[in-house]
Amino acid sequence: MIFILLILISAMFIGVIRHQKAQAQARYWERINEFEAQRKRQILATAIKLEQRQTPDSHIEQKWQRAS
């Protein structure tokens, strides 16, 4: 009887440890994905700023291309 109880308790602890490990891994990947999304937003913002700094000549050329 005690032996069966010890097996059940150890199985429960192993299950808890695996569950905690899975949760930690999920949190890790959530952070990685958030950092990746933040990096993409920064790259996009930089690209938009660089595009807005175009010279007036190239801006006029774009207007002519659109009109054509």
PDB file of N, CA and C in Angstrom:
ATOM      1  N   MET A   1       0.830  -1.199   0.000  1.00  0.00           N
ATOM      2  CA  MET A   1       0.000   0.000   0.000  1.00  0.00           C
ATOM      3  C   MET A   1       0.872   1.260   0.000  1.00  0.00           C
ATOM      4  N   ILE A   2       1.877   1.284   0.852  1.00  0.00           N
ATOM      5  CA  ILE A   2       2.768   2.443   0.926  1.00  0.00           C
ATOM      6  C   ILE A   2       3.557   2.582  -0.379  1.00  0.00           C
ATOM      7  N   PHE A   3       3.948   1.448  -0.930  1.00  0.00           N
ATOM      8  CA  PHE A   3       4.701   1.456  -2.187  1.00  0.00           C
ATOM      9  C   PHE A   3       3.873   2.087  -3.313  1.00  0.00           C
ATOM     10  N   ILE A   4       2.614   1.736  -3.390  1.00  0.00           N
ATOM     11  CA  ILE A   4       1.721   2.301  -4.414  1.00  0.00           C
ATOM     12  C   ILE A   4       1.551   3.803  -4.191  1.00  0.00           C
ATOM     13  N   LEU A   5       1.421   4.204  -2.942  1.00  0.00           N
ATOM     14  CA  LEU A   5       1.290   5.619  -2.610  1.00  0.00           C
ATOM     15  C   LEU A   5       2.543   6.393  -3.018  1.00  0.00           C
ATOM     16  N   LEU A   6       3.721   5.833  -2.766  1.00  0.00           N
ATOM     17  CA  LEU A   6       4.969   6.486  -3.163  1.00  0.00           C
ATOM     18  C   LEU A   6       5.067   6.622  -4.689  1.00  0.00           C
ATOM     19  N   ILE A   7       4.633   5.603  -5.391  1.00  0.00           N
ATOM     20  CA  ILE A   7       4.652   5.665  -6.853  1.00  0.00           C
ATOM     21  C   ILE A   7       3.707   6.760  -7.346  1.00  0.00           C
ATOM     22  N   LEU A   8       2.524   6.855  -6.762  1.00  0.00           N
ATOM     23  CA  LEU A   8       1.568   7.892  -7.166  1.00  0.00           C
ATOM     24  C   LEU A   8       2.094   9.298  -6.865  1.00  0.00           C
ATOM     25  N   ILE A   9       2.699   9.460  -5.693  1.00  0.00           N
ATOM     26  CA  ILE A   9       3.249  10.767  -5.321  1.00  0.00           C
ATOM     27  C   ILE A   9       4.388  11.155  -6.256  1.00  0.00           C
ATOM     28  N   SER A  10       5.272  10.201  -6.548  1.00  0.00           N
ATOM     29  CA  SER A  10       6.389  10.514  -7.446  1.00  0.00           C
ATOM     30  C   SER A  10       5.882  10.821  -8.860  1.00  0.00           C
ATOM     31  N   ALA A  11       4.863  10.107  -9.305  1.00  0.00           N
ATOM     32  CA  ALA A  11       4.288  10.385 -10.622  1.00  0.00           C
ATOM     33  C   ALA A  11       3.665  11.780 -10.654  1.00  0.00           C
ATOM     34  N   MET A  12       3.038  12.171  -9.549  1.00  0.00           N
ATOM     35  CA  MET A  12       2.449  13.496  -9.463  1.00  0.00           C
ATOM     36  C   MET A  12       3.543  14.568  -9.530  1.00  0.00           C
ATOM     37  N   PHE A  13       4.631  14.388  -8.794  1.00  0.00           N
ATOM     38  CA  PHE A  13       5.721  15.355  -8.817  1.00  0.00           C
ATOM     39  C   PHE A  13       6.356  15.449 -10.201  1.00  0.00           C
ATOM     40  N   ILE A  14       6.521  14.319 -10.855  1.00  0.00           N
ATOM     41  CA  ILE A  14       7.081  14.328 -12.206  1.00  0.00           C
ATOM     42  C   ILE A  14       6.152  15.087 -13.155  1.00  0.00           C
ATOM     43  N   GLY A  15       4.858  14.874 -13.007  1.00  0.00           N
ATOM     44  CA  GLY A  15       3.888  15.593 -13.834  1.00  0.00           C
ATOM     45  C   GLY A  15       3.927  17.091 -13.591  1.00  0.00           C
ATOM     46  N   VAL A  16       4.044  17.487 -12.317  1.00  0.00           N
ATOM     47  CA  VAL A  16       4.112  18.911 -11.978  1.00  0.00           C
ATOM     48  C   VAL A  16       5.373  19.531 -12.568  1.00  0.00           C
ATOM     49  N   ILE A  17       6.491  18.839 -12.443  1.00  0.00           N
ATOM     50  CA  ILE A  17       7.753  19.356 -12.975  1.00  0.00           C
ATOM     51  C   ILE A  17       7.673  19.509 -14.494  1.00  0.00           C
ATOM     52  N   ARG A  18       7.113  18.531 -15.169  1.00  0.00           N
ATOM     53  CA  ARG A  18       6.974  18.621 -16.632  1.00  0.00           C
ATOM     54  C   ARG A  18       6.057  19.773 -17.026  1.00  0.00           C
ATOM     55  N   HIS A  19       4.987  19.953 -16.271  1.00  0.00           N
ATOM     56  CA  HIS A  19       4.052  21.044 -16.559  1.00  0.00           C
ATOM     57  C   HIS A  19       4.743  22.400 -16.385  1.00  0.00           C
ATOM     58  N   GLN A  20       5.502  22.561 -15.306  1.00  0.00           N
ATOM     59  CA  GLN A  20       6.210  23.814 -15.073  1.00  0.00           C
ATOM     60  C   GLN A  20       7.243  24.075 -16.161  1.00  0.00           C
ATOM     61  N   LYS A  21       7.924  23.017 -16.575  1.00  0.00           N
ATOM     62  CA  LYS A  21       8.919  23.156 -17.637  1.00  0.00           C
ATOM     63  C   LYS A  21       8.252  23.575 -18.945  1.00  0.00           C
ATOM     64  N   ALA A  22       7.106  22.998 -19.252  1.00  0.00           N
ATOM     65  CA  ALA A  22       6.377  23.355 -20.472  1.00  0.00           C
ATOM     66  C   ALA A  22       5.906  24.808 -20.415  1.00  0.00           C
ATOM     67  N   GLN A  23       5.444  25.250 -19.244  1.00  0.00           N
ATOM     68  CA  GLN A  23       5.009  26.637 -19.102  1.00  0.00           C
ATOM     69  C   GLN A  23       6.178  27.597 -19.273  1.00  0.00           C
ATOM     70  N   ALA A  24       7.326  27.251 -18.690  1.00  0.00           N
ATOM     71  CA  ALA A  24       8.508  28.102 -18.820  1.00  0.00           C
ATOM     72  C   ALA A  24       8.938  28.201 -20.281  1.00  0.00           C
ATOM     73  N   GLN A  25       8.889  27.098 -20.979  1.00  0.00           N
ATOM     74  CA  GLN A  25       9.264  27.103 -22.387  1.00  0.00           C
ATOM     75  C   GLN A  25       8.276  27.942 -23.212  1.00  0.00           C
ATOM     76  N   ALA A  26       7.003  27.861 -22.889  1.00  0.00           N
ATOM     77  CA  ALA A  26       5.995  28.661 -23.597  1.00  0.00           C
ATOM     78  C   ALA A  26       6.224  30.153 -23.351  1.00  0.00           C
ATOM     79  N   ARG A  27       6.530  30.530 -22.107  1.00  0.00           N
ATOM     80  CA  ARG A  27       6.818  31.935 -21.799  1.00  0.00           C
ATOM     81  C   ARG A  27       8.060  32.411 -22.550  1.00  0.00           C
ATOM     82  N   TYR A  28       9.072  31.544 -22.633  1.00  0.00           N
ATOM     83  CA  TYR A  28      10.299  31.881 -23.351  1.00  0.00           C
ATOM     84  C   TYR A  28       9.987  32.202 -24.809  1.00  0.00           C
ATOM     85  N   TRP A  29       9.203  31.348 -25.473  1.00  0.00           N
ATOM     86  CA  TRP A  29       8.898  31.574 -26.883  1.00  0.00           C
ATOM     87  C   TRP A  29       7.984  32.771 -27.074  1.00  0.00           C
ATOM     88  N   GLU A  30       7.122  33.059 -26.107  1.00  0.00           N
ATOM     89  CA  GLU A  30       6.294  34.265 -26.190  1.00  0.00           C
ATOM     90  C   GLU A  30       7.175  35.510 -26.175  1.00  0.00           C
ATOM     91  N   ARG A  31       8.185  35.503 -25.288  1.00  0.00           N
ATOM     92  CA  ARG A  31       9.109  36.640 -25.236  1.00  0.00           C
ATOM     93  C   ARG A  31       9.909  36.765 -26.522  1.00  0.00           C
ATOM     94  N   ILE A  32      10.401  35.648 -27.034  1.00  0.00           N
ATOM     95  CA  ILE A  32      11.164  35.669 -28.283  1.00  0.00           C
ATOM     96  C   ILE A  32      10.300  36.228 -29.414  1.00  0.00           C
ATOM     97  N   ASN A  33       9.067  35.779 -29.510  1.00  0.00           N
ATOM     98  CA  ASN A  33       8.163  36.266 -30.560  1.00  0.00           C
ATOM     99  C   ASN A  33       7.866  37.753 -30.401  1.00  0.00           C
ATOM    100  N   GLU A  34       7.723  38.214 -29.155  1.00  0.00           N
ATOM    101  CA  GLU A  34       7.471  39.628 -28.921  1.00  0.00           C
ATOM    102  C   GLU A  34       8.690  40.465 -29.314  1.00  0.00           C
ATOM    103  N   PHE A  35       9.898  39.995 -28.967  1.00  0.00           N
ATOM    104  CA  PHE A  35      11.110  40.713 -29.368  1.00  0.00           C
ATOM    105  C   PHE A  35      11.232  40.765 -30.891  1.00  0.00           C
ATOM    106  N   GLU A  36      10.893  39.681 -31.548  1.00  0.00           N
ATOM    107  CA  GLU A  36      10.951  39.629 -33.013  1.00  0.00           C
ATOM    108  C   GLU A  36       9.937  40.601 -33.617  1.00  0.00           C
ATOM    109  N   ALA A  37       8.741  40.662 -33.075  1.00  0.00           N
ATOM    110  CA  ALA A  37       7.724  41.597 -33.568  1.00  0.00           C
ATOM    111  C   ALA A  37       8.173  43.043 -33.340  1.00  0.00           C
ATOM    112  N   GLN A  38       8.770  43.303 -32.185  1.00  0.00           N
ATOM    113  CA  GLN A  38       9.259  44.648 -31.888  1.00  0.00           C
ATOM    114  C   GLN A  38      10.366  45.043 -32.866  1.00  0.00           C
ATOM    115  N   ARG A  39      11.258  44.107 -33.166  1.00  0.00           N
ATOM    116  CA  ARG A  39      12.341  44.369 -34.114  1.00  0.00           C
ATOM    117  C   ARG A  39      11.775  44.676 -35.501  1.00  0.00           C
ATOM    118  N   LYS A  40      10.755  43.931 -35.909  1.00  0.00           N
ATOM    119  CA  LYS A  40      10.142  44.183 -37.216  1.00  0.00           C
ATOM    120  C   LYS A  40       9.472  45.554 -37.253  1.00  0.00           C
ATOM    121  N   ARG A  41       8.822  45.936 -36.154  1.00  0.00           N
ATOM    122  CA  ARG A  41       8.192  47.262 -36.105  1.00  0.00           C
ATOM    123  C   ARG A  41       9.242  48.367 -36.209  1.00  0.00           C
ATOM    124  N   GLN A  42      10.392  48.165 -35.535  1.00  0.00           N
ATOM    125  CA  GLN A  42      11.459  49.162 -35.593  1.00  0.00           C
ATOM    126  C   GLN A  42      12.032  49.278 -37.003  1.00  0.00           C
ATOM    127  N   ILE A  43      12.211  48.145 -37.669  1.00  0.00           N
ATOM    128  CA  ILE A  43      12.721  48.168 -39.043  1.00  0.00           C
ATOM    129  C   ILE A  43      11.739  48.892 -39.956  1.00  0.00           C
ATOM    130  N   LEU A  44      10.457  48.614 -39.794  1.00  0.00           N
ATOM    131  CA  LEU A  44       9.436  49.269 -40.609  1.00  0.00           C
ATOM    132  C   LEU A  44       9.410  50.771 -40.348  1.00  0.00           C
ATOM    133  N   ALA A  45       9.506  51.167 -39.085  1.00  0.00           N
ATOM    134  CA  ALA A  45       9.509  52.593 -38.755  1.00  0.00           C
ATOM    135  C   ALA A  45      10.728  53.280 -39.361  1.00  0.00           C
ATOM    136  N   THR A  46      11.879  52.624 -39.320  1.00  0.00           N
ATOM    137  CA  THR A  46      13.089  53.189 -39.918  1.00  0.00           C
ATOM    138  C   THR A  46      12.928  53.334 -41.424  1.00  0.00           C
ATOM    139  N   ALA A  47      12.358  52.324 -42.062  1.00  0.00           N
ATOM    140  CA  ALA A  47      12.147  52.386 -43.514  1.00  0.00           C
ATOM    141  C   ALA A  47      11.195  53.521 -43.876  1.00  0.00           C
ATOM    142  N   ILE A  48      10.156  53.708 -43.077  1.00  0.00           N
ATOM    143  CA  ILE A  48       9.202  54.793 -43.343  1.00  0.00           C
ATOM    144  C   ILE A  48       9.886  56.146 -43.190  1.00  0.00           C
ATOM    145  N   LYS A  49      10.707  56.303 -42.141  1.00  0.00           N
ATOM    146  CA  LYS A  49      11.422  57.569 -41.941  1.00  0.00           C
ATOM    147  C   LYS A  49      12.368  57.849 -43.096  1.00  0.00           C
ATOM    148  N   LEU A  50      13.082  56.818 -43.540  1.00  0.00           N
ATOM    149  CA  LEU A  50      14.006  57.011 -44.657  1.00  0.00           C
ATOM    150  C   LEU A  50      13.265  57.374 -45.936  1.00  0.00           C
ATOM    151  N   GLU A  51      12.114  56.790 -46.141  1.00  0.00           N
ATOM    152  CA  GLU A  51      11.330  57.101 -47.336  1.00  0.00           C
ATOM    153  C   GLU A  51      10.801  58.529 -47.284  1.00  0.00           C
ATOM    154  N   GLN A  52      10.476  59.003 -46.097  1.00  0.00           N
ATOM    155  CA  GLN A  52       9.951  60.362 -45.959  1.00  0.00           C
ATOM    156  C   GLN A  52      11.039  61.412 -46.162  1.00  0.00           C
ATOM    157  N   ARG A  53      12.306  61.001 -46.050  1.00  0.00           N
ATOM    158  CA  ARG A  53      13.422  61.937 -46.214  1.00  0.00           C
ATOM    159  C   ARG A  53      13.880  62.042 -47.666  1.00  0.00           C
ATOM    160  N   GLN A  54      13.089  61.596 -48.589  1.00  0.00           N
ATOM    161  CA  GLN A  54      13.481  61.648 -49.998  1.00  0.00           C
ATOM    162  C   GLN A  54      13.676  63.093 -50.439  1.00  0.00           C
ATOM    163  N   THR A  55      14.514  63.251 -51.442  1.00  0.00           N
ATOM    164  CA  THR A  55      14.750  64.593 -51.975  1.00  0.00           C
ATOM    165  C   THR A  55      13.512  65.055 -52.738  1.00  0.00           C
ATOM    166  N   PRO A  56      13.356  66.363 -52.872  1.00  0.00           N
ATOM    167  CA  PRO A  56      12.183  66.871 -53.612  1.00  0.00           C
ATOM    168  C   PRO A  56      12.165  66.399 -55.064  1.00  0.00           C
ATOM    169  N   ASP A  57      13.345  66.267 -55.692  1.00  0.00           N
ATOM    170  CA  ASP A  57      13.390  65.827 -57.089  1.00  0.00           C
ATOM    171  C   ASP A  57      12.803  64.433 -57.245  1.00  0.00           C
ATOM    172  N   SER A  58      13.177  63.526 -56.361  1.00  0.00           N
ATOM    173  CA  SER A  58      12.658  62.166 -56.487  1.00  0.00           C
ATOM    174  C   SER A  58      11.160  62.137 -56.187  1.00  0.00           C
ATOM    175  N   HIS A  59      10.704  63.031 -55.328  1.00  0.00           N
ATOM    176  CA  HIS A  59       9.268  63.107 -55.028  1.00  0.00           C
ATOM    177  C   HIS A  59       8.498  63.561 -56.273  1.00  0.00           C
ATOM    178  N   ILE A  60       9.062  64.527 -56.988  1.00  0.00           N
ATOM    179  CA  ILE A  60       8.424  65.010 -58.219  1.00  0.00           C
ATOM    180  C   ILE A  60       8.420  63.904 -59.265  1.00  0.00           C
ATOM    181  N   GLU A  61       9.527  63.162 -59.353  1.00  0.00           N
ATOM    182  CA  GLU A  61       9.597  62.051 -60.306  1.00  0.00           C
ATOM    183  C   GLU A  61       8.518  61.012 -60.013  1.00  0.00           C
ATOM    184  N   GLN A  62       8.293  60.745 -58.742  1.00  0.00           N
ATOM    185  CA  GLN A  62       7.253  59.779 -58.380  1.00  0.00           C
ATOM    186  C   GLN A  62       5.877  60.274 -58.817  1.00  0.00           C
ATOM    187  N   LYS A  63       5.630  61.568 -58.669  1.00  0.00           N
ATOM    188  CA  LYS A  63       4.341  62.119 -59.092  1.00  0.00           C
ATOM    189  C   LYS A  63       4.165  61.964 -60.600  1.00  0.00           C
ATOM    190  N   TRP A  64       5.219  62.195 -61.356  1.00  0.00           N
ATOM    191  CA  TRP A  64       5.144  62.047 -62.809  1.00  0.00           C
ATOM    192  C   TRP A  64       4.905  60.594 -63.189  1.00  0.00           C
ATOM    193  N   GLN A  65       5.547  59.678 -62.468  1.00  0.00           N
ATOM    194  CA  GLN A  65       5.358  58.256 -62.761  1.00  0.00           C
ATOM    195  C   GLN A  65       3.925  57.833 -62.473  1.00  0.00           C
ATOM    196  N   ARG A  66       3.355  58.359 -61.423  1.00  0.00           N
ATOM    197  CA  ARG A  66       1.970  58.022 -61.090  1.00  0.00           C
ATOM    198  C   ARG A  66       1.011  58.588 -62.133  1.00  0.00           C
ATOM    199  N   ALA A  67       1.321  59.785 -62.618  1.00  0.00           N
ATOM    200  CA  ALA A  67       0.446  60.431 -63.589  1.00  0.00           C
ATOM    201  C   ALA A  67       0.505  59.736 -64.951  1.00  0.00           C
ATOM    202  N   SER A  68       1.627  59.119 -65.239  1.00  0.00           N
ATOM    203  CA  SER A  68       1.789  58.464 -66.557  1.00  0.00           C
ATOM    204  C   SER A  68       0.978  57.213 -66.683  1.00  0.00           C
TER     205      SER A  68
END
